[in-house]
């Protein structure tokens, strides 16, 4: 197992911060297990760099617990991918080498989010989860681990300070978002000040910063939902308490603030890990709205659509994981990534057709081998690659653009996963309802207004 540092990542090989595994957003996802499995499988197989997860995500998300415990072989797909260096756990200390040690640190720091009921439903315990994960991680020559090179609480506090200080949202997707930003201004600052104080009091060393779990507890106390000694494991419990009050206006504001705090948490951690940002569909409108670097109109002159027959997620998870990941390791995935990068970097129009054909050939060969490794009825997935010569368009711009296409506009996508490269180009995977070719929708740049969201 190799220790990796964030400075090793480049725009082409940086991992994705895997927000779909965050237990703090389970309430945003109607079927968290299906979304988790889709995101896990396709993020690993069709992007370069793998995914990175903070240590808590392995223990505070029921979809992760089910995935690891309800496996079809010795190790689950996630465990095999971790053993191959494609899932990178990030621990709190450079000296932490196992999940058992990581779990001990989580307990020592009084981290919230581990729910007994979820473990009982999955038929496991935190200690058994740590043992199962260590069984796959420890001793592997290909496995990678990272650590929190920065004080994450302090970084999160700074991110929230900067975000909450804004007089208006940088890029509101709807007018209602902008109205809620104004309406919650005073409450936001009260929450942040109280959460900082609560975090410092809960930390044995008294370090300044913000823990996300303390934000939920502070909101609960300020809203008279629970007393000073009570704690929420996750924001889902806060939201349910607010629903029980049947105060629609306050509930809307609380939901809005919870989403803001969660997206800010993901962005802050992704940046600290030097990882690419990732947004699930339900949070994409918020991710776009608070992204100060994203311009509403930007150039994406080149697009390439790849429609591939690939194994379904069920087929992949039922197949021997080492066989599926063996296809990835065979060089076929790398061949696709190399051809994709050449097309993205191309600045000469006369070479575009040849490089596009090379991508398609490499992608189809890779997909065919995956289907052989995971037999079953294949499904059709569409990949949309976008490129631009404007080097100033950083990765968040591309992710916002593709998040709009894949996640926000329901007429285009049944499910979408944003992934790609930083810098000058991005790509994303999306499944759409099967339509006759003449009825298919042509993807356009995001308009200035979003009628699908009521604006």
Protein backbone atom coordinates (compact mmCIF):
# COMPACT_ATOMS: atom_id res chain seq x y z
CA UNK A 1 0.00 0.00 0.00
CA UNK A 2 1.36 3.39 -1.01
CA UNK A 3 0.84 6.75 0.67
CA UNK A 4 -0.10 9.38 -1.91
CA UNK A 5 0.04 13.14 -1.52
CA UNK A 6 -2.30 15.62 -3.12
CA UNK A 7 0.58 17.23 -4.99
CA UNK A 8 0.91 14.04 -7.05
CA UNK A 9 -2.45 14.58 -8.74
CA UNK A 10 -2.64 16.32 -12.11
CA UNK A 11 -5.73 17.56 -13.98
CA UNK A 12 -5.69 14.29 -15.94
CA UNK A 13 -5.30 11.77 -13.14
CA UNK A 14 -6.79 13.42 -10.06
CA UNK A 15 -9.42 11.30 -8.33
CA UNK A 16 -13.00 12.39 -7.84
CA UNK A 17 -14.26 13.31 -4.41
CA UNK A 18 -17.03 10.71 -4.13
CA UNK A 19 -19.94 12.66 -2.64
CA UNK A 20 -22.46 9.89 -3.46
CA UNK A 21 -21.06 7.98 -0.44
CA UNK A 22 -21.75 10.79 2.02
CA UNK A 23 -24.23 9.75 4.72
CA UNK A 24 -25.07 13.41 5.23
CA UNK A 25 -26.93 13.56 1.90
CA UNK A 26 -28.82 10.26 2.07
CA UNK A 27 -32.06 12.23 2.39
CA UNK A 28 -31.38 13.92 -0.98
CA UNK A 29 -31.31 10.63 -2.85
CA UNK A 30 -34.56 8.73 -3.35
CA UNK A 31 -32.74 5.42 -3.78
CA UNK A 32 -29.33 5.92 -2.21
CA UNK A 33 -28.18 2.34 -2.84
CA UNK A 34 -28.90 2.48 -6.60
CA UNK A 35 -27.33 5.92 -6.96
CA UNK A 36 -24.30 4.84 -4.95
CA UNK A 37 -23.79 1.68 -7.03
CA UNK A 38 -24.20 3.53 -10.33
CA UNK A 39 -21.80 6.25 -9.30
CA UNK A 40 -19.29 3.78 -7.88
CA UNK A 41 -19.21 1.44 -10.88
CA UNK A 42 -19.15 3.99 -13.68
CA UNK A 43 -16.84 6.45 -11.91
CA UNK A 44 -14.25 3.74 -11.51
CA UNK A 45 -14.56 2.06 -14.90
CA UNK A 46 -14.91 5.09 -17.16
CA UNK A 47 -12.76 7.79 -15.64
CA UNK A 48 -9.10 8.24 -14.97
CA UNK A 49 -7.83 8.59 -11.43
CA UNK A 50 -10.40 6.64 -9.42
CA UNK A 51 -12.24 8.11 -6.46
CA UNK A 52 -11.23 9.40 -3.03
CA UNK A 53 -13.36 9.06 0.11
CA UNK A 54 -12.74 10.53 3.56
CA UNK A 55 -12.63 7.85 6.25
CA UNK A 56 -16.07 8.69 7.67
CA UNK A 57 -17.84 7.88 4.38
CA UNK A 58 -16.94 4.21 4.78
CA UNK A 59 -18.85 4.10 8.06
CA UNK A 60 -21.73 6.62 7.92
CA UNK A 61 -23.56 5.62 4.73
CA UNK A 62 -26.00 2.72 4.62
CA UNK A 63 -25.40 2.14 0.90
CA UNK A 64 -21.70 1.57 1.61
CA UNK A 65 -22.53 -0.79 4.48
CA UNK A 66 -24.87 -2.83 2.28
CA UNK A 67 -22.43 -2.89 -0.62
CA UNK A 68 -19.62 -4.32 1.52
CA UNK A 69 -21.72 -6.78 3.54
CA UNK A 70 -24.01 -8.07 0.76
CA UNK A 71 -21.26 -9.07 -1.65
CA UNK A 72 -21.24 -11.99 -4.09
CA UNK A 73 -17.60 -12.96 -3.54
CA UNK A 74 -14.89 -12.66 -0.90
CA UNK A 75 -14.60 -8.93 -1.52
CA UNK A 76 -17.11 -6.47 -2.93
CA UNK A 77 -16.52 -4.37 -6.04
CA UNK A 78 -15.49 -1.44 -3.82
CA UNK A 79 -13.01 -3.59 -1.89
CA UNK A 80 -11.46 -4.96 -5.07
CA UNK A 81 -11.24 -1.47 -6.53
CA UNK A 82 -9.59 -0.25 -3.33
CA UNK A 83 -7.14 -3.14 -3.51
CA UNK A 84 -6.30 -2.01 -7.05
CA UNK A 85 -5.76 1.61 -6.03
CA UNK A 86 -8.94 2.91 -7.67
CA UNK A 87 -10.67 3.74 -4.37
CA UNK A 88 -8.43 5.87 -2.17
CA UNK A 89 -9.35 6.17 1.53
CA UNK A 90 -8.20 9.39 3.14
CA UNK A 91 -7.43 9.09 6.85
CA UNK A 92 -7.01 11.82 9.45
CA UNK A 93 -3.34 11.20 10.09
CA UNK A 94 -0.34 10.44 7.91
CA UNK A 95 0.54 7.56 10.25
CA UNK A 96 -2.90 5.88 9.98
CA UNK A 97 -2.54 2.77 7.82
CA UNK A 98 -5.70 0.77 8.57
CA UNK A 99 -9.43 1.31 8.87
CA UNK A 100 -9.27 -0.07 12.41
CA UNK A 101 -6.95 2.80 13.33
CA UNK A 102 -9.12 5.23 11.37
CA UNK A 103 -12.25 4.10 13.19
CA UNK A 104 -10.50 4.57 16.52
CA UNK A 105 -9.62 8.16 15.53
CA UNK A 106 -13.22 8.83 14.48
CA UNK A 107 -14.42 7.65 17.89
CA UNK A 108 -11.78 9.61 19.76
CA UNK A 109 -12.82 12.82 17.99
CA UNK A 110 -16.53 12.28 18.77
CA UNK A 111 -17.48 12.34 15.08
CA UNK A 112 -21.23 12.10 14.50
CA UNK A 113 -23.04 10.15 11.78
CA UNK A 114 -22.67 6.46 12.69
CA UNK A 115 -26.23 5.17 13.15
CA UNK A 116 -26.86 1.94 15.06
CA UNK A 117 -30.08 1.25 13.14
CA UNK A 118 -28.25 1.30 9.82
CA UNK A 119 -25.68 -1.17 11.06
CA UNK A 120 -28.41 -3.45 12.39
CA UNK A 121 -30.20 -3.41 9.02
CA UNK A 122 -26.94 -4.24 7.25
CA UNK A 123 -26.13 -6.96 9.79
CA UNK A 124 -22.74 -5.61 10.76
CA UNK A 125 -20.90 -3.33 13.20
CA UNK A 126 -18.34 -0.55 12.73
CA UNK A 127 -15.60 -2.88 13.92
CA UNK A 128 -16.62 -5.60 11.43
CA UNK A 129 -16.72 -3.04 8.64
CA UNK A 130 -13.21 -1.93 9.52
CA UNK A 131 -12.02 -5.55 9.51
CA UNK A 132 -13.62 -6.25 6.12
CA UNK A 133 -12.10 -3.13 4.57
CA UNK A 134 -8.67 -3.83 6.05
CA UNK A 135 -8.83 -7.38 4.74
CA UNK A 136 -8.82 -5.95 1.21
CA UNK A 137 -6.58 -2.94 1.79
CA UNK A 138 -3.70 -4.15 3.92
CA UNK A 139 -0.96 -6.01 2.08
CA UNK A 140 -1.91 -4.91 -1.43
CA UNK A 141 0.97 -3.63 -3.55
CA UNK A 142 -1.43 -1.55 -5.69
CA UNK A 143 -3.56 0.00 -2.92
CA UNK A 144 -3.24 3.71 -2.16
CA UNK A 145 -4.10 5.74 0.90
CA UNK A 146 -4.15 9.47 1.48
CA UNK A 147 -4.38 11.60 4.58
CA UNK A 148 -5.75 14.96 5.62
CA UNK A 149 -2.80 17.17 4.77
CA UNK A 150 -4.74 20.24 5.89
CA UNK A 151 -6.84 20.99 8.95
CA UNK A 152 -10.18 20.14 7.37
CA UNK A 153 -12.27 21.87 10.03
CA UNK A 154 -10.33 25.09 9.56
CA UNK A 155 -10.54 24.83 5.77
CA UNK A 156 -14.30 24.24 5.97
CA UNK A 157 -14.70 27.20 8.32
CA UNK A 158 -12.85 29.45 5.87
CA UNK A 159 -14.95 28.19 2.96
CA UNK A 160 -18.19 28.91 4.85
CA UNK A 161 -16.91 32.33 5.94
CA UNK A 162 -16.24 33.28 2.34
CA UNK A 163 -19.50 31.82 1.05
CA UNK A 164 -21.78 33.31 3.70
CA UNK A 165 -20.12 36.72 3.33
CA UNK A 166 -21.39 37.02 -0.25
CA UNK A 167 -24.17 39.58 -0.63
CA UNK A 168 -25.83 37.47 -3.30
CA UNK A 169 -25.50 34.06 -4.90
CA UNK A 170 -22.94 34.02 -7.72
CA UNK A 171 -25.13 32.07 -10.15
CA UNK A 172 -28.69 31.42 -8.91
CA UNK A 173 -30.43 28.78 -10.98
CA UNK A 174 -33.88 30.02 -9.94
CA UNK A 175 -35.23 33.26 -8.55
CA UNK A 176 -36.36 31.35 -5.47
CA UNK A 177 -32.76 30.39 -4.69
CA UNK A 178 -31.80 34.07 -4.66
CA UNK A 179 -34.81 34.94 -2.47
CA UNK A 180 -33.90 32.25 0.06
CA UNK A 181 -30.31 33.45 0.14
CA UNK A 182 -31.51 36.89 1.19
CA UNK A 183 -34.12 35.55 3.61
CA UNK A 184 -31.64 33.31 5.48
CA UNK A 185 -28.73 35.79 5.69
CA UNK A 186 -29.04 36.59 9.39
CA UNK A 187 -29.70 32.99 10.40
CA UNK A 188 -26.70 31.76 8.37
CA UNK A 189 -24.31 33.95 10.34
CA UNK A 190 -25.85 32.94 13.68
CA UNK A 191 -25.49 29.27 12.76
CA UNK A 192 -21.88 29.65 11.69
CA UNK A 193 -20.81 31.53 14.83
CA UNK A 194 -22.52 29.02 17.11
CA UNK A 195 -21.14 26.02 15.15
CA UNK A 196 -17.60 27.35 15.50
CA UNK A 197 -18.04 27.63 19.27
CA UNK A 198 -19.59 24.15 19.51
CA UNK A 199 -16.81 22.62 17.41
CA UNK A 200 -14.08 24.13 19.57
CA UNK A 201 -15.84 22.93 22.73
CA UNK A 202 -16.24 19.37 21.37
CA UNK A 203 -12.62 19.06 20.22
CA UNK A 204 -10.33 17.81 22.97
CA UNK A 205 -7.52 20.03 21.71
CA UNK A 206 -9.79 23.04 21.34
CA UNK A 207 -8.81 23.65 17.72
CA UNK A 208 -10.83 26.29 15.87
CA UNK A 209 -12.86 25.35 12.81
CA UNK A 210 -16.27 23.91 11.95
CA UNK A 211 -17.56 20.36 12.09
CA UNK A 212 -20.54 19.78 9.87
CA UNK A 213 -22.31 17.70 12.52
CA UNK A 214 -22.23 20.65 14.90
CA UNK A 215 -24.05 22.75 12.31
CA UNK A 216 -27.07 20.42 12.50
CA UNK A 217 -27.03 20.49 16.30
CA UNK A 218 -26.78 24.27 16.41
CA UNK A 219 -29.68 24.61 13.96
CA UNK A 220 -31.74 22.25 16.10
CA UNK A 221 -31.10 24.29 19.23
CA UNK A 222 -31.73 27.66 17.54
CA UNK A 223 -35.01 26.32 16.14
CA UNK A 224 -36.01 24.79 19.52
CA UNK A 225 -36.10 21.31 18.01
CA UNK A 226 -33.98 19.77 20.77
CA UNK A 227 -32.14 20.75 23.93
CA UNK A 228 -28.53 21.66 24.55
CA UNK A 229 -27.50 18.08 25.35
CA UNK A 230 -29.25 16.47 22.36
CA UNK A 231 -27.47 15.68 19.09
CA UNK A 232 -28.48 14.72 15.58
CA UNK A 233 -26.57 11.95 13.83
CA UNK A 234 -27.49 13.34 10.42
CA UNK A 235 -29.45 16.26 8.95
CA UNK A 236 -32.24 13.87 7.98
CA UNK A 237 -33.34 13.90 11.61
CA UNK A 238 -33.35 17.69 11.72
CA UNK A 239 -35.43 17.85 8.55
CA UNK A 240 -37.92 15.31 9.86
CA UNK A 241 -38.33 17.33 13.06
CA UNK A 242 -39.08 20.41 10.97
CA UNK A 243 -41.61 18.52 8.82
CA UNK A 244 -43.42 17.44 11.98
CA UNK A 245 -43.96 21.11 12.80
CA UNK A 246 -45.83 21.65 9.52
CA UNK A 247 -44.27 25.09 9.04
CA UNK A 248 -43.75 25.12 5.29
CA UNK A 249 -41.78 28.38 5.06
CA UNK A 250 -39.32 27.49 7.82
CA UNK A 251 -38.96 23.98 6.44
CA UNK A 252 -38.04 25.35 3.02
CA UNK A 253 -35.38 27.59 4.52
CA UNK A 254 -33.92 24.79 6.64
CA UNK A 255 -33.77 22.42 3.64
CA UNK A 256 -32.06 25.16 1.64
CA UNK A 257 -29.47 25.77 4.37
CA UNK A 258 -28.82 22.04 4.81
CA UNK A 259 -28.13 21.72 1.08
CA UNK A 260 -25.85 24.77 1.13
CA UNK A 261 -23.87 23.42 4.06
CA UNK A 262 -23.52 19.97 2.44
CA UNK A 263 -22.35 21.25 -0.95
CA UNK A 264 -19.93 23.62 0.78
CA UNK A 265 -18.60 20.64 2.76
CA UNK A 266 -18.05 18.58 -0.40
CA UNK A 267 -16.36 21.47 -2.23
CA UNK A 268 -14.12 22.29 0.70
CA UNK A 269 -12.95 18.71 1.12
CA UNK A 270 -12.53 18.09 -2.62
CA UNK A 271 -10.33 21.18 -2.87
CA UNK A 272 -8.28 20.12 0.17
CA UNK A 273 -7.71 16.68 -1.40
CA UNK A 274 -6.87 18.27 -4.79
CA UNK A 275 -9.68 16.12 -6.15
CA UNK A 276 -12.32 16.95 -8.75
CA UNK A 277 -15.70 17.99 -7.42
CA UNK A 278 -18.70 15.71 -7.86
CA UNK A 279 -22.38 16.49 -7.42
CA UNK A 280 -25.38 14.19 -7.18
CA UNK A 281 -28.43 15.22 -9.19
CA UNK A 282 -30.46 16.62 -6.30
CA UNK A 283 -27.67 19.00 -5.25
CA UNK A 284 -26.53 20.15 -8.68
CA UNK A 285 -28.69 23.33 -8.68
CA UNK A 286 -27.09 24.40 -5.38
CA UNK A 287 -23.62 23.44 -6.64
CA UNK A 288 -24.10 25.66 -9.69
CA UNK A 289 -25.57 28.52 -7.66
CA UNK A 290 -22.67 28.85 -5.20
CA UNK A 291 -19.88 28.29 -7.71
CA UNK A 292 -18.17 31.68 -7.86
CA UNK A 293 -15.91 30.56 -10.72
CA UNK A 294 -18.61 29.33 -13.09
CA UNK A 295 -19.77 31.71 -15.80
CA UNK A 296 -23.35 31.33 -17.05
CA UNK A 297 -22.26 31.62 -20.68
CA UNK A 298 -19.02 29.95 -21.65
CA UNK A 299 -17.64 28.34 -24.74
CA UNK A 300 -17.88 24.60 -25.29
CA UNK A 301 -17.42 24.51 -29.09
CA UNK A 302 -16.65 20.80 -29.53
CA UNK A 303 -18.85 17.93 -28.43
CA UNK A 304 -18.66 14.23 -29.16
CA UNK A 305 -21.38 11.75 -28.30
CA UNK A 306 -20.47 8.12 -27.70
CA UNK A 307 -23.32 5.63 -27.40
CA UNK A 308 -22.03 2.35 -26.00
CA UNK A 309 -23.45 -1.00 -24.99
CA UNK A 310 -22.02 -1.73 -21.54
CA UNK A 311 -22.85 -4.20 -18.78
CA UNK A 312 -25.60 -3.15 -16.42
CA UNK A 313 -24.63 -2.26 -12.87
CA UNK A 314 -26.32 -5.48 -11.68
CA UNK A 315 -24.24 -7.56 -14.11
CA UNK A 316 -21.03 -5.88 -13.00
CA UNK A 317 -21.76 -6.33 -9.30
CA UNK A 318 -22.72 -9.99 -9.79
CA UNK A 319 -19.63 -10.79 -11.85
CA UNK A 320 -16.29 -11.61 -10.19
CA UNK A 321 -14.88 -8.14 -9.43
CA UNK A 322 -11.30 -9.17 -10.24
CA UNK A 323 -12.43 -10.19 -13.73
CA UNK A 324 -14.17 -6.85 -14.37
CA UNK A 325 -11.30 -4.78 -12.98
CA UNK A 326 -8.88 -6.99 -14.90
CA UNK A 327 -10.35 -5.51 -18.09
CA UNK A 328 -9.67 -2.03 -16.71
CA UNK A 329 -6.10 -3.03 -15.86
CA UNK A 330 -5.52 -4.73 -19.23
CA UNK A 331 -4.72 -1.46 -20.96
CA UNK A 332 -8.04 -1.05 -22.75
CA UNK A 333 -9.25 1.64 -20.34
CA UNK A 334 -5.93 3.47 -20.64
CA UNK A 335 -6.18 3.33 -24.43
CA UNK A 336 -9.60 4.99 -24.24
CA UNK A 337 -8.30 7.66 -21.85
CA UNK A 338 -5.31 8.40 -24.09
CA UNK A 339 -7.49 8.74 -27.21
CA UNK A 340 -9.97 10.90 -25.27
CA UNK A 341 -7.22 13.22 -24.12
CA UNK A 342 -5.82 13.55 -27.67
CA UNK A 343 -9.24 14.55 -28.96
CA UNK A 344 -9.74 17.00 -26.11
CA UNK A 345 -6.34 18.62 -26.64
CA UNK A 346 -6.70 18.86 -30.39
CA UNK A 347 -6.71 22.42 -31.73
CA UNK A 348 -6.68 21.56 -35.44
CA UNK A 349 -10.17 21.05 -36.94
CA UNK A 350 -8.82 18.87 -39.76
CA UNK A 351 -7.70 16.28 -37.20
CA UNK A 352 -10.97 16.23 -35.27
CA UNK A 353 -12.72 13.51 -37.30
CA UNK A 354 -9.82 11.07 -37.14
CA UNK A 355 -9.34 11.52 -33.42
CA UNK A 356 -13.09 11.18 -32.79
CA UNK A 357 -13.12 7.89 -34.68
CA UNK A 358 -10.15 6.69 -32.63
CA UNK A 359 -12.03 7.44 -29.38
CA UNK A 360 -15.08 5.56 -30.59
CA UNK A 361 -13.04 2.51 -31.60
CA UNK A 362 -11.17 2.42 -28.27
CA UNK A 363 -14.34 2.95 -26.23
CA UNK A 364 -16.25 0.21 -28.05
CA UNK A 365 -13.45 -2.30 -27.69
CA UNK A 366 -13.23 -1.56 -23.98
CA UNK A 367 -17.02 -1.85 -23.60
CA UNK A 368 -17.08 -5.18 -25.46
CA UNK A 369 -14.49 -6.68 -23.12
CA UNK A 370 -16.42 -5.44 -20.10
CA UNK A 371 -19.53 -7.19 -21.47
CA UNK A 372 -17.56 -10.43 -21.78
CA UNK A 373 -16.34 -10.08 -18.21
CA UNK A 374 -19.84 -9.29 -16.87
CA UNK A 375 -22.29 -11.24 -19.06
CA UNK A 376 -25.96 -10.36 -19.09
CA UNK A 377 -28.28 -8.08 -20.97
CA UNK A 378 -26.22 -4.96 -21.77
CA UNK A 379 -27.59 -1.45 -21.49
CA UNK A 380 -27.05 1.58 -23.69
CA UNK A 381 -25.15 4.47 -22.14
CA UNK A 382 -24.29 7.74 -23.78
CA UNK A 383 -21.04 9.56 -23.12
CA UNK A 384 -20.84 13.22 -24.03
CA UNK A 385 -17.36 14.69 -24.29
CA UNK A 386 -16.94 18.44 -24.46
CA UNK A 387 -13.80 20.38 -25.27
CA UNK A 388 -12.80 24.01 -25.39
CA UNK A 389 -9.68 25.93 -26.28
CA UNK A 390 -10.30 28.40 -23.46
CA UNK A 391 -7.67 27.31 -20.94
CA UNK A 392 -9.18 29.57 -18.29
CA UNK A 393 -12.23 27.35 -17.94
CA UNK A 394 -11.40 25.41 -14.79
CA UNK A 395 -12.92 22.11 -13.84
CA UNK A 396 -15.82 23.61 -11.87
CA UNK A 397 -17.08 25.36 -14.99
CA UNK A 398 -17.19 22.13 -16.91
CA UNK A 399 -18.84 20.28 -14.06
CA UNK A 400 -21.53 22.94 -13.76
CA UNK A 401 -22.20 22.76 -17.48
CA UNK A 402 -22.45 19.00 -17.55
CA UNK A 403 -24.33 18.94 -14.28
CA UNK A 404 -26.97 21.06 -15.97
CA UNK A 405 -27.16 18.78 -19.00
CA UNK A 406 -27.10 15.51 -17.12
CA UNK A 407 -28.72 16.22 -13.79
CA UNK A 408 -30.85 19.33 -13.80
CA UNK A 409 -32.78 18.95 -17.02
CA UNK A 410 -34.99 15.90 -16.49
CA UNK A 411 -36.02 15.62 -20.14
CA UNK A 412 -32.45 14.70 -21.05
CA UNK A 413 -31.39 12.24 -18.40
CA UNK A 414 -32.76 9.48 -16.27
CA UNK A 415 -29.45 9.29 -14.45
CA UNK A 416 -26.20 11.13 -14.87
CA UNK A 417 -22.75 11.08 -13.42
CA UNK A 418 -20.41 13.96 -14.00
CA UNK A 419 -16.79 13.09 -14.50
CA UNK A 420 -13.92 14.29 -16.56
CA UNK A 421 -10.67 16.17 -16.40
CA UNK A 422 -9.70 19.51 -14.98
CA UNK A 423 -8.57 22.39 -17.11
CA UNK A 424 -9.71 22.57 -20.68
CA UNK A 425 -12.27 19.84 -21.07
CA UNK A 426 -14.74 17.53 -19.42
CA UNK A 427 -16.82 14.46 -20.15
CA UNK A 428 -19.90 12.95 -18.61
CA UNK A 429 -21.92 9.80 -18.72
CA UNK A 430 -25.69 9.88 -18.97
CA UNK A 431 -28.47 7.42 -19.64
CA UNK A 432 -31.58 8.71 -21.36
CA UNK A 433 -34.96 7.21 -22.15
CA UNK A 434 -34.79 5.27 -25.39
CA UNK A 435 -36.32 7.35 -28.18
CA UNK A 436 -36.39 6.93 -31.95
CA UNK A 437 -33.30 8.62 -33.37
CA UNK A 438 -35.35 11.34 -35.08
CA UNK A 439 -36.90 12.28 -31.72
CA UNK A 440 -33.70 12.54 -29.74
CA UNK A 441 -32.90 15.83 -28.09
CA UNK A 442 -29.89 17.80 -29.29
CA UNK A 443 -27.80 18.92 -26.32
CA UNK A 444 -27.27 22.67 -26.15
CA UNK A 445 -25.33 25.06 -23.97
CA UNK A 446 -27.15 25.96 -20.75
CA UNK A 447 -29.59 28.79 -21.38
CA UNK A 448 -29.62 31.87 -19.23
CA UNK A 449 -32.91 30.74 -17.68
CA UNK A 450 -33.97 27.28 -16.58
CA UNK A 451 -37.70 26.70 -17.32
CA UNK A 452 -37.46 23.12 -16.02
CA UNK A 453 -36.78 24.56 -12.58
CA UNK A 454 -39.48 27.20 -12.73
CA UNK A 455 -37.28 30.16 -13.62
